[in-house]
Amino acid sequence: MKAIINISLKAGVLDSQGKAVHHALDSLHFNGVEDVRVGKQIVMQLSNTDEAKAREEVTQMCEDLLANTVIEDYEIELVN
């Protein structure tokens, strides 16, 4: 089973990297972009085939290490 974890800054947190990308896109005349938020994606192969247990384990990984839950949100997608 594969776990795909998308981590992004919470709505009220300033995204300076997103602002820099937005500015660069404007400089390149991509004027239709209203906002940019930059996040990260972690993809891991799991040996666990039980979806409920895998989700619980990956959630614990996010809470303990992968995401800074004070300023970041995360979403988990499990794929067989």
Protein backbone atom coordinates (compact mmCIF):
# COMPACT_ATOMS: atom_id res chain seq x y z
CA MET A 1 0.00 0.00 0.00
CA LYS A 2 1.20 3.50 -0.80
CA ALA A 3 0.58 6.54 1.40
CA ILE A 4 0.56 9.98 -0.19
CA ILE A 5 0.77 12.80 2.35
CA ASN A 6 0.20 16.40 1.29
CA ILE A 7 1.36 19.00 3.81
CA SER A 8 0.52 22.69 3.49
CA LEU A 9 0.60 25.79 5.65
CA LYS A 10 -2.63 26.60 7.48
CA ALA A 11 -4.79 29.33 5.97
CA GLY A 12 -3.67 32.17 8.27
CA VAL A 13 0.07 31.44 8.04
CA LEU A 14 2.20 33.64 5.77
CA ASP A 15 3.67 31.60 2.89
CA SER A 16 6.82 33.51 1.94
CA GLN A 17 7.87 30.84 -0.56
CA GLY A 18 4.45 31.03 -2.21
CA LYS A 19 4.74 34.82 -2.40
CA ALA A 20 8.17 34.50 -4.05
CA VAL A 21 6.83 32.06 -6.64
CA HIS A 22 3.83 34.33 -7.29
CA HIS A 23 6.13 37.32 -7.81
CA ALA A 24 8.34 35.30 -10.19
CA LEU A 25 5.30 34.19 -12.19
CA ASP A 26 4.15 37.82 -12.44
CA SER A 27 7.64 38.77 -13.66
CA LEU A 28 7.30 36.14 -16.38
CA HIS A 29 3.94 37.68 -17.40
CA PHE A 30 1.74 34.86 -16.07
CA ASN A 31 -0.83 37.39 -14.93
CA GLY A 32 -3.78 35.06 -14.37
CA VAL A 33 -2.39 33.64 -11.11
CA GLU A 34 -4.18 35.12 -8.09
CA ASP A 35 -2.35 33.31 -5.27
CA VAL A 36 0.30 30.63 -4.76
CA ARG A 37 0.70 28.34 -1.76
CA VAL A 38 3.72 26.02 -1.63
CA GLY A 39 3.59 22.75 0.28
CA LYS A 40 5.28 19.40 0.28
CA GLN A 41 4.30 15.88 -0.65
CA ILE A 42 5.64 12.73 0.95
CA VAL A 43 5.07 9.38 -0.76
CA MET A 44 5.86 6.19 1.13
CA GLN A 45 5.41 2.51 0.43
CA LEU A 46 3.89 0.67 3.39
CA SER A 47 4.07 -3.03 4.15
CA ASN A 48 0.81 -2.82 6.11
CA THR A 49 -2.17 -3.86 3.94
CA ASP A 50 -4.90 -3.11 6.49
CA GLU A 51 -6.22 0.31 5.46
CA ALA A 52 -7.50 1.34 8.89
CA LYS A 53 -4.24 0.44 10.63
CA ALA A 54 -2.17 2.04 7.87
CA ARG A 55 -4.14 5.29 8.15
CA GLU A 56 -3.74 5.28 11.93
CA GLU A 57 0.01 4.68 11.63
CA VAL A 58 0.54 7.38 8.98
CA THR A 59 -1.55 9.83 11.00
CA GLN A 60 0.71 9.19 13.99
CA MET A 61 3.79 9.75 11.77
CA CYS A 62 2.35 13.11 10.67
CA GLU A 63 1.50 14.16 14.22
CA ASP A 64 4.89 13.11 15.64
CA LEU A 65 7.32 14.02 12.87
CA LEU A 66 6.22 14.82 9.34
CA ALA A 67 4.03 17.90 9.90
CA ASN A 68 4.33 20.85 12.24
CA THR A 69 0.70 20.76 13.32
CA VAL A 70 0.92 24.24 14.86
CA ILE A 71 1.26 25.85 11.42
CA GLU A 72 0.61 23.03 8.93
CA ASP A 73 -2.32 20.88 7.84
CA TYR A 74 -1.94 17.48 6.23
CA GLU A 75 -4.05 15.15 4.10
CA ILE A 76 -3.46 11.43 3.74
CA GLU A 77 -4.39 9.38 0.68
CA LEU A 78 -3.92 5.61 0.74
CA VAL A 79 -3.58 3.80 -2.58
CA ASN A 80 -3.50 0.03 -3.04
